[in-house]
């Protein structure tokens, strides 16, 4: 089987599990560069993509590779540089994935997109407000901190870090404080996003050689809210870019709000 067809078949089998966005953002510039002596070698554009794939999808890719080709005993990844400007014969046909649906993931329902001064605040759900949040004993302090931040963003509890187990309302509070800031300060630029989206945008920016636009976008806002930052762990390049963004915003007295299901270390 031709390497292009093999890679397309493998990604098609993975698409119901990892979704079209991941296929289009992570694998569009990747190829199978060889299958020899039971080792499948996958070429990726840079170290960030390689690290992200290995951390999130390595087991799925290996299982799919063995299903399609039982002779495969190992999958390796090598950095080949960007293929975005090259007509490589092994690159996948992206049109084959445009009609496939994404899997159901733990994400905030995309009920509303708030646009302030041209900046789109992704994935705000108008149902997740501070007014309808019912605090329990374990999150009363977090609720009070969120109300204080919404009243005077950048002046108190900055950065605000919410830590707690799954199901305690972190996402609701993050959504609520973001919407409350926009309500109190309509001209402020507020962005809410998951850590996965932040990482995907970094990968896309590197692939398109538009990192300067990425930096300008996230370093010229008034309030940055990132959910589930524990997924930045073991991703040094993502951590580095987030570190620079964090410092730029913090030094400018802009509000930063983060959540995690793990304590800071």
C-alpha atoms as a PDB file:
ATOM      1  CA  UNK A   1       0.000   0.000   0.000  1.00  0.00           C
ATOM      2  CA  UNK A   2       1.250   3.502  -0.817  1.00  0.00           C
ATOM      3  CA  UNK A   3       2.306   5.494   2.227  1.00  0.00           C
ATOM      4  CA  UNK A   4      -0.204   8.258   1.464  1.00  0.00           C
ATOM      5  CA  UNK A   5      -3.118   5.826   1.289  1.00  0.00           C
ATOM      6  CA  UNK A   6      -1.886   4.036   4.408  1.00  0.00           C
ATOM      7  CA  UNK A   7      -1.717   7.291   6.377  1.00  0.00           C
ATOM      8  CA  UNK A   8      -5.140   8.408   5.149  1.00  0.00           C
ATOM      9  CA  UNK A   9      -6.711   5.068   6.100  1.00  0.00           C
ATOM     10  CA  UNK A  10      -5.074   5.204   9.514  1.00  0.00           C
ATOM     11  CA  UNK A  11      -6.266   8.756  10.202  1.00  0.00           C
ATOM     12  CA  UNK A  12      -9.780   7.932   8.995  1.00  0.00           C
ATOM     13  CA  UNK A  13      -9.948   5.139  11.543  1.00  0.00           C
ATOM     14  CA  UNK A  14      -8.820   7.598  14.236  1.00  0.00           C
ATOM     15  CA  UNK A  15     -11.112  10.456  13.240  1.00  0.00           C
ATOM     16  CA  UNK A  16     -14.164   9.245  15.227  1.00  0.00           C
ATOM     17  CA  UNK A  17     -11.973   9.139  18.336  1.00  0.00           C
ATOM     18  CA  UNK A  18      -9.892  12.316  18.075  1.00  0.00           C
ATOM     19  CA  UNK A  19     -12.027  14.393  15.716  1.00  0.00           C
ATOM     20  CA  UNK A  20     -11.657  16.435  12.576  1.00  0.00           C
ATOM     21  CA  UNK A  21     -10.067  19.490  14.272  1.00  0.00           C
ATOM     22  CA  UNK A  22      -7.160  17.380  15.510  1.00  0.00           C
ATOM     23  CA  UNK A  23      -6.762  15.729  12.105  1.00  0.00           C
ATOM     24  CA  UNK A  24      -6.703  19.070  10.314  1.00  0.00           C
ATOM     25  CA  UNK A  25      -4.459  20.886  12.812  1.00  0.00           C
ATOM     26  CA  UNK A  26      -2.072  18.168  13.956  1.00  0.00           C
ATOM     27  CA  UNK A  27      -1.690  15.846  10.987  1.00  0.00           C
ATOM     28  CA  UNK A  28      -2.155  17.995   7.893  1.00  0.00           C
ATOM     29  CA  UNK A  29       1.624  18.437   7.487  1.00  0.00           C
ATOM     30  CA  UNK A  30       2.580  14.944   8.661  1.00  0.00           C
ATOM     31  CA  UNK A  31       3.363  11.880   6.574  1.00  0.00           C
ATOM     32  CA  UNK A  32       4.329   8.252   6.845  1.00  0.00           C
ATOM     33  CA  UNK A  33       7.919   8.367   5.676  1.00  0.00           C
ATOM     34  CA  UNK A  34       8.553   4.658   5.860  1.00  0.00           C
ATOM     35  CA  UNK A  35       7.574   1.202   7.109  1.00  0.00           C
ATOM     36  CA  UNK A  36      10.513  -1.142   7.480  1.00  0.00           C
ATOM     37  CA  UNK A  37      11.260  -4.173   9.642  1.00  0.00           C
ATOM     38  CA  UNK A  38       8.057  -3.679  11.615  1.00  0.00           C
ATOM     39  CA  UNK A  39       8.765   0.000  12.342  1.00  0.00           C
ATOM     40  CA  UNK A  40       6.422   2.692  11.008  1.00  0.00           C
ATOM     41  CA  UNK A  41       8.037   6.122  10.879  1.00  0.00           C
ATOM     42  CA  UNK A  42       5.786   9.172  10.935  1.00  0.00           C
ATOM     43  CA  UNK A  43       7.254  12.508   9.897  1.00  0.00           C
ATOM     44  CA  UNK A  44       5.965  15.616  11.698  1.00  0.00           C
ATOM     45  CA  UNK A  45       6.759  19.299  11.118  1.00  0.00           C
ATOM     46  CA  UNK A  46       8.239  20.246  14.511  1.00  0.00           C
ATOM     47  CA  UNK A  47       8.976  19.177  18.075  1.00  0.00           C
ATOM     48  CA  UNK A  48       5.770  20.713  19.446  1.00  0.00           C
ATOM     49  CA  UNK A  49       3.588  18.604  17.176  1.00  0.00           C
ATOM     50  CA  UNK A  50       5.620  15.510  17.943  1.00  0.00           C
ATOM     51  CA  UNK A  51       5.306  16.042  21.679  1.00  0.00           C
ATOM     52  CA  UNK A  52       1.593  16.746  21.498  1.00  0.00           C
ATOM     53  CA  UNK A  53       0.879  13.668  19.375  1.00  0.00           C
ATOM     54  CA  UNK A  54       2.952  11.403  21.589  1.00  0.00           C
ATOM     55  CA  UNK A  55       1.331  12.703  24.776  1.00  0.00           C
ATOM     56  CA  UNK A  56      -2.257  12.589  23.548  1.00  0.00           C
ATOM     57  CA  UNK A  57      -2.562  10.113  20.674  1.00  0.00           C
ATOM     58  CA  UNK A  58       0.443   7.769  20.597  1.00  0.00           C
ATOM     59  CA  UNK A  59      -1.427   4.697  21.889  1.00  0.00           C
ATOM     60  CA  UNK A  60      -4.353   5.282  19.513  1.00  0.00           C
ATOM     61  CA  UNK A  61      -2.068   5.646  16.510  1.00  0.00           C
ATOM     62  CA  UNK A  62      -0.137   2.498  17.384  1.00  0.00           C
ATOM     63  CA  UNK A  63      -3.337   0.472  17.786  1.00  0.00           C
ATOM     64  CA  UNK A  64      -4.736   1.775  14.494  1.00  0.00           C
ATOM     65  CA  UNK A  65      -1.436   1.054  12.721  1.00  0.00           C
ATOM     66  CA  UNK A  66      -1.458  -2.557  13.933  1.00  0.00           C
ATOM     67  CA  UNK A  67      -5.083  -2.978  12.854  1.00  0.00           C
ATOM     68  CA  UNK A  68      -4.310  -1.809   9.326  1.00  0.00           C
ATOM     69  CA  UNK A  69      -0.896  -3.473   9.104  1.00  0.00           C
ATOM     70  CA  UNK A  70      -0.362  -6.295  11.643  1.00  0.00           C
ATOM     71  CA  UNK A  71       3.350  -6.378  10.807  1.00  0.00           C
ATOM     72  CA  UNK A  72       3.846  -3.014  12.543  1.00  0.00           C
ATOM     73  CA  UNK A  73       5.471  -3.546  15.951  1.00  0.00           C
ATOM     74  CA  UNK A  74       6.598   0.004  16.660  1.00  0.00           C
ATOM     75  CA  UNK A  75       5.723   3.566  15.636  1.00  0.00           C
ATOM     76  CA  UNK A  76       8.417   6.234  15.641  1.00  0.00           C
ATOM     77  CA  UNK A  77       8.166   9.985  15.060  1.00  0.00           C
ATOM     78  CA  UNK A  78      10.759  12.145  13.362  1.00  0.00           C
ATOM     79  CA  UNK A  79      10.846  15.917  12.892  1.00  0.00           C
ATOM     80  CA  UNK A  80      11.056  16.700   9.183  1.00  0.00           C
ATOM     81  CA  UNK A  81      10.345  20.426   9.102  1.00  0.00           C
ATOM     82  CA  UNK A  82       7.295  22.151   7.710  1.00  0.00           C
ATOM     83  CA  UNK A  83       5.607  20.594   4.702  1.00  0.00           C
ATOM     84  CA  UNK A  84       3.015  23.383   4.395  1.00  0.00           C
ATOM     85  CA  UNK A  85       4.735  24.914   1.378  1.00  0.00           C
ATOM     86  CA  UNK A  86       5.696  21.617  -0.211  1.00  0.00           C
ATOM     87  CA  UNK A  87       3.763  19.342  -2.537  1.00  0.00           C
ATOM     88  CA  UNK A  88       4.941  16.131  -0.892  1.00  0.00           C
ATOM     89  CA  UNK A  89       3.519  12.986  -2.528  1.00  0.00           C
ATOM     90  CA  UNK A  90       2.771  11.393   0.863  1.00  0.00           C
ATOM     91  CA  UNK A  91       0.722  14.275   2.285  1.00  0.00           C
ATOM     92  CA  UNK A  92      -2.912  13.447   3.040  1.00  0.00           C
ATOM     93  CA  UNK A  93      -5.838  14.846   1.077  1.00  0.00           C
ATOM     94  CA  UNK A  94      -7.529  17.131   3.617  1.00  0.00           C
ATOM     95  CA  UNK A  95     -10.794  17.106   1.659  1.00  0.00           C
ATOM     96  CA  UNK A  96     -11.392  13.560   2.853  1.00  0.00           C
ATOM     97  CA  UNK A  97     -11.745  14.801   6.419  1.00  0.00           C
ATOM     98  CA  UNK A  98     -13.840  17.930   5.891  1.00  0.00           C
ATOM     99  CA  UNK A  99     -17.130  16.088   6.195  1.00  0.00           C
ATOM    100  CA  UNK A 100     -16.316  14.039   9.262  1.00  0.00           C
ATOM    101  CA  UNK A 101     -17.794  14.958  12.605  1.00  0.00           C
ATOM    102  CA  UNK A 102     -15.763  15.597  15.709  1.00  0.00           C
ATOM    103  CA  UNK A 103     -16.058  13.338  18.732  1.00  0.00           C
ATOM    104  CA  UNK A 104     -17.897  14.425  21.841  1.00  0.00           C
ATOM    105  CA  UNK A 105     -15.304  15.852  24.210  1.00  0.00           C
ATOM    106  CA  UNK A 106     -15.461  17.484  27.603  1.00  0.00           C
ATOM    107  CA  UNK A 107     -15.885  21.010  26.378  1.00  0.00           C
ATOM    108  CA  UNK A 108     -18.083  23.915  27.265  1.00  0.00           C
ATOM    109  CA  UNK A 109     -21.128  24.054  24.944  1.00  0.00           C
ATOM    110  CA  UNK A 110     -20.468  26.679  22.284  1.00  0.00           C
ATOM    111  CA  UNK A 111     -23.775  28.441  22.859  1.00  0.00           C
ATOM    112  CA  UNK A 112     -22.528  31.971  22.415  1.00  0.00           C
ATOM    113  CA  UNK A 113     -19.533  33.835  21.087  1.00  0.00           C
ATOM    114  CA  UNK A 114     -18.998  37.282  22.555  1.00  0.00           C
ATOM    115  CA  UNK A 115     -17.122  39.708  20.333  1.00  0.00           C
ATOM    116  CA  UNK A 116     -15.588  42.804  21.904  1.00  0.00           C
ATOM    117  CA  UNK A 117     -13.587  45.213  19.736  1.00  0.00           C
ATOM    118  CA  UNK A 118     -13.055  42.510  17.169  1.00  0.00           C
ATOM    119  CA  UNK A 119     -11.756  39.959  19.697  1.00  0.00           C
ATOM    120  CA  UNK A 120     -13.874  36.843  19.812  1.00  0.00           C
ATOM    121  CA  UNK A 121     -14.231  35.251  23.236  1.00  0.00           C
ATOM    122  CA  UNK A 122     -14.603  31.576  22.411  1.00  0.00           C
ATOM    123  CA  UNK A 123     -17.014  29.143  23.968  1.00  0.00           C
ATOM    124  CA  UNK A 124     -18.858  31.385  26.386  1.00  0.00           C
ATOM    125  CA  UNK A 125     -22.060  29.750  27.554  1.00  0.00           C
ATOM    126  CA  UNK A 126     -24.620  32.339  28.704  1.00  0.00           C
ATOM    127  CA  UNK A 127     -26.025  29.812  31.195  1.00  0.00           C
ATOM    128  CA  UNK A 128     -22.769  29.758  33.151  1.00  0.00           C
ATOM    129  CA  UNK A 129     -23.113  32.986  35.133  1.00  0.00           C
ATOM    130  CA  UNK A 130     -21.993  33.898  38.615  1.00  0.00           C
ATOM    131  CA  UNK A 131     -25.591  34.691  39.527  1.00  0.00           C
ATOM    132  CA  UNK A 132     -26.816  31.131  38.980  1.00  0.00           C
ATOM    133  CA  UNK A 133     -23.764  29.404  40.456  1.00  0.00           C
ATOM    134  CA  UNK A 134     -24.661  27.635  43.686  1.00  0.00           C
ATOM    135  CA  UNK A 135     -21.528  27.471  45.845  1.00  0.00           C
ATOM    136  CA  UNK A 136     -20.874  24.647  48.246  1.00  0.00           C
ATOM    137  CA  UNK A 137     -18.610  24.616  51.249  1.00  0.00           C
ATOM    138  CA  UNK A 138     -15.642  23.595  49.094  1.00  0.00           C
ATOM    139  CA  UNK A 139     -15.891  26.494  46.614  1.00  0.00           C
ATOM    140  CA  UNK A 140     -17.238  29.469  48.562  1.00  0.00           C
ATOM    141  CA  UNK A 141     -13.814  31.114  48.628  1.00  0.00           C
ATOM    142  CA  UNK A 142     -13.390  30.588  44.884  1.00  0.00           C
ATOM    143  CA  UNK A 143     -16.797  32.170  44.288  1.00  0.00           C
ATOM    144  CA  UNK A 144     -15.887  35.206  46.373  1.00  0.00           C
ATOM    145  CA  UNK A 145     -12.575  35.596  44.544  1.00  0.00           C
ATOM    146  CA  UNK A 146     -14.316  35.441  41.160  1.00  0.00           C
ATOM    147  CA  UNK A 147     -16.773  38.162  42.175  1.00  0.00           C
ATOM    148  CA  UNK A 148     -13.904  40.356  43.362  1.00  0.00           C
ATOM    149  CA  UNK A 149     -12.040  39.864  40.076  1.00  0.00           C
ATOM    150  CA  UNK A 150     -15.142  40.618  38.013  1.00  0.00           C
ATOM    151  CA  UNK A 151     -15.625  43.856  39.916  1.00  0.00           C
ATOM    152  CA  UNK A 152     -12.023  45.055  39.498  1.00  0.00           C
ATOM    153  CA  UNK A 153     -10.116  42.910  36.997  1.00  0.00           C
ATOM    154  CA  UNK A 154      -6.357  43.216  37.231  1.00  0.00           C
ATOM    155  CA  UNK A 155      -6.429  44.821  40.670  1.00  0.00           C
ATOM    156  CA  UNK A 156      -7.028  41.925  43.049  1.00  0.00           C
ATOM    157  CA  UNK A 157      -6.334  38.182  42.919  1.00  0.00           C
ATOM    158  CA  UNK A 158      -4.171  38.457  39.846  1.00  0.00           C
ATOM    159  CA  UNK A 159      -3.452  35.874  38.662  1.00  0.00           C
ATOM    160  CA  UNK A 160      -6.461  33.937  39.932  1.00  0.00           C
ATOM    161  CA  UNK A 161      -5.850  30.186  40.015  1.00  0.00           C
ATOM    162  CA  UNK A 162      -8.760  27.819  40.654  1.00  0.00           C
ATOM    163  CA  UNK A 163      -7.765  24.327  41.718  1.00  0.00           C
ATOM    164  CA  UNK A 164     -10.137  21.456  42.446  1.00  0.00           C
ATOM    165  CA  UNK A 165     -11.300  18.022  41.406  1.00  0.00           C
ATOM    166  CA  UNK A 166     -13.523  17.419  38.397  1.00  0.00           C
ATOM    167  CA  UNK A 167     -17.170  18.358  38.948  1.00  0.00           C
ATOM    168  CA  UNK A 168     -16.701  21.144  41.492  1.00  0.00           C
ATOM    169  CA  UNK A 169     -17.677  23.955  39.119  1.00  0.00           C
ATOM    170  CA  UNK A 170     -14.339  25.384  37.937  1.00  0.00           C
ATOM    171  CA  UNK A 171     -15.490  25.807  34.342  1.00  0.00           C
ATOM    172  CA  UNK A 172     -18.770  27.403  35.449  1.00  0.00           C
ATOM    173  CA  UNK A 173     -16.864  29.908  37.571  1.00  0.00           C
ATOM    174  CA  UNK A 174     -14.397  30.713  34.796  1.00  0.00           C
ATOM    175  CA  UNK A 175     -17.217  31.239  32.337  1.00  0.00           C
ATOM    176  CA  UNK A 176     -19.157  33.285  34.862  1.00  0.00           C
ATOM    177  CA  UNK A 177     -16.326  35.623  35.763  1.00  0.00           C
ATOM    178  CA  UNK A 178     -15.543  36.206  32.092  1.00  0.00           C
ATOM    179  CA  UNK A 179     -19.126  37.102  31.264  1.00  0.00           C
ATOM    180  CA  UNK A 180     -19.326  39.302  34.356  1.00  0.00           C
ATOM    181  CA  UNK A 181     -16.200  41.222  33.330  1.00  0.00           C
ATOM    182  CA  UNK A 182     -17.729  41.839  29.900  1.00  0.00           C
ATOM    183  CA  UNK A 183     -20.960  42.927  31.545  1.00  0.00           C
ATOM    184  CA  UNK A 184     -19.202  45.363  33.882  1.00  0.00           C
ATOM    185  CA  UNK A 185     -16.649  46.565  31.328  1.00  0.00           C
ATOM    186  CA  UNK A 186     -18.115  46.224  27.803  1.00  0.00           C
ATOM    187  CA  UNK A 187     -14.978  47.636  26.158  1.00  0.00           C
ATOM    188  CA  UNK A 188     -12.571  45.162  27.701  1.00  0.00           C
ATOM    189  CA  UNK A 189     -11.167  42.381  25.563  1.00  0.00           C
ATOM    190  CA  UNK A 190     -11.809  39.018  27.209  1.00  0.00           C
ATOM    191  CA  UNK A 191     -10.846  35.601  25.887  1.00  0.00           C
ATOM    192  CA  UNK A 192     -11.856  32.258  27.383  1.00  0.00           C
ATOM    193  CA  UNK A 193     -10.335  29.066  26.023  1.00  0.00           C
ATOM    194  CA  UNK A 194      -9.312  25.558  26.955  1.00  0.00           C
ATOM    195  CA  UNK A 195      -5.645  24.644  27.211  1.00  0.00           C
ATOM    196  CA  UNK A 196      -6.118  22.329  24.220  1.00  0.00           C
ATOM    197  CA  UNK A 197      -7.227  25.219  22.045  1.00  0.00           C
ATOM    198  CA  UNK A 198      -4.257  27.302  23.168  1.00  0.00           C
ATOM    199  CA  UNK A 199      -1.894  24.488  22.193  1.00  0.00           C
ATOM    200  CA  UNK A 200      -3.636  23.923  18.857  1.00  0.00           C
ATOM    201  CA  UNK A 201      -3.350  27.616  18.002  1.00  0.00           C
ATOM    202  CA  UNK A 202       0.369  27.576  18.800  1.00  0.00           C
ATOM    203  CA  UNK A 203       0.849  24.569  16.532  1.00  0.00           C
ATOM    204  CA  UNK A 204      -1.162  26.212  13.753  1.00  0.00           C
ATOM    205  CA  UNK A 205       0.774  29.476  14.104  1.00  0.00           C
ATOM    206  CA  UNK A 206       4.105  27.678  13.823  1.00  0.00           C
ATOM    207  CA  UNK A 207       2.881  25.738  10.791  1.00  0.00           C
ATOM    208  CA  UNK A 208       1.735  28.939   9.083  1.00  0.00           C
ATOM    209  CA  UNK A 209       4.806  30.860  10.238  1.00  0.00           C
ATOM    210  CA  UNK A 210       2.531  33.398  11.907  1.00  0.00           C
ATOM    211  CA  UNK A 211       3.756  33.290  15.496  1.00  0.00           C
ATOM    212  CA  UNK A 212       3.979  37.091  15.580  1.00  0.00           C
ATOM    213  CA  UNK A 213       0.228  37.340  14.949  1.00  0.00           C
ATOM    214  CA  UNK A 214      -0.396  34.777  17.682  1.00  0.00           C
ATOM    215  CA  UNK A 215       1.672  36.772  20.165  1.00  0.00           C
ATOM    216  CA  UNK A 216      -0.016  40.036  19.212  1.00  0.00           C
ATOM    217  CA  UNK A 217      -3.468  38.491  19.654  1.00  0.00           C
ATOM    218  CA  UNK A 218      -2.911  37.178  23.161  1.00  0.00           C
ATOM    219  CA  UNK A 219      -0.711  39.940  24.509  1.00  0.00           C
ATOM    220  CA  UNK A 220      -3.149  42.736  23.685  1.00  0.00           C
ATOM    221  CA  UNK A 221      -6.177  41.656  25.669  1.00  0.00           C
ATOM    222  CA  UNK A 222      -7.522  42.678  29.065  1.00  0.00           C
ATOM    223  CA  UNK A 223      -8.469  39.305  30.499  1.00  0.00           C
ATOM    224  CA  UNK A 224      -7.184  35.851  29.555  1.00  0.00           C
ATOM    225  CA  UNK A 225      -9.014  32.808  30.933  1.00  0.00           C
ATOM    226  CA  UNK A 226      -7.530  29.352  30.332  1.00  0.00           C
ATOM    227  CA  UNK A 227      -9.264  26.180  31.539  1.00  0.00           C
ATOM    228  CA  UNK A 228      -7.467  22.910  32.410  1.00  0.00           C
ATOM    229  CA  UNK A 229      -3.893  24.202  32.338  1.00  0.00           C
ATOM    230  CA  UNK A 230      -2.685  20.868  33.749  1.00  0.00           C
ATOM    231  CA  UNK A 231      -2.473  19.722  30.126  1.00  0.00           C
ATOM    232  CA  UNK A 232       0.476  22.099  29.616  1.00  0.00           C
ATOM    233  CA  UNK A 233       2.571  19.651  31.633  1.00  0.00           C
ATOM    234  CA  UNK A 234       5.519  18.078  29.776  1.00  0.00           C
ATOM    235  CA  UNK A 235       5.000  20.451  26.822  1.00  0.00           C
ATOM    236  CA  UNK A 236       7.998  22.726  27.144  1.00  0.00           C
ATOM    237  CA  UNK A 237       7.379  24.796  24.004  1.00  0.00           C
ATOM    238  CA  UNK A 238       3.774  25.487  24.968  1.00  0.00           C
ATOM    239  CA  UNK A 239       4.836  26.351  28.501  1.00  0.00           C
ATOM    240  CA  UNK A 240       7.459  28.734  27.170  1.00  0.00           C
ATOM    241  CA  UNK A 241       5.006  30.599  24.936  1.00  0.00           C
ATOM    242  CA  UNK A 242       2.409  30.729  27.704  1.00  0.00           C
ATOM    243  CA  UNK A 243       5.074  31.957  30.137  1.00  0.00           C
ATOM    244  CA  UNK A 244       5.907  34.898  27.852  1.00  0.00           C
ATOM    245  CA  UNK A 245       2.213  35.680  27.314  1.00  0.00           C
ATOM    246  CA  UNK A 246       1.591  35.465  31.054  1.00  0.00           C
ATOM    247  CA  UNK A 247       4.444  37.867  31.848  1.00  0.00           C
ATOM    248  CA  UNK A 248       3.376  40.391  29.211  1.00  0.00           C
ATOM    249  CA  UNK A 249      -0.184  40.485  30.550  1.00  0.00           C
ATOM    250  CA  UNK A 250       0.835  40.472  34.207  1.00  0.00           C
ATOM    251  CA  UNK A 251       3.329  43.305  33.760  1.00  0.00           C
ATOM    252  CA  UNK A 252       0.574  45.334  32.068  1.00  0.00           C
ATOM    253  CA  UNK A 253      -1.846  44.686  34.996  1.00  0.00           C
ATOM    254  CA  UNK A 254      -4.127  42.579  32.817  1.00  0.00           C
ATOM    255  CA  UNK A 255      -6.236  39.895  34.466  1.00  0.00           C
ATOM    256  CA  UNK A 256      -5.201  36.236  34.183  1.00  0.00           C
ATOM    257  CA  UNK A 257      -7.488  33.417  35.336  1.00  0.00           C
ATOM    258  CA  UNK A 258      -6.488  29.762  35.242  1.00  0.00           C
ATOM    259  CA  UNK A 259      -7.978  26.459  36.370  1.00  0.00           C
ATOM    260  CA  UNK A 260      -6.551  23.007  36.972  1.00  0.00           C
ATOM    261  CA  UNK A 261      -7.499  19.714  38.563  1.00  0.00           C
ATOM    262  CA  UNK A 262      -3.981  19.515  40.005  1.00  0.00           C
ATOM    263  CA  UNK A 263      -2.285  21.811  42.504  1.00  0.00           C
ATOM    264  CA  UNK A 264       0.479  24.121  41.249  1.00  0.00           C
ATOM    265  CA  UNK A 265       3.948  22.680  41.611  1.00  0.00           C
END
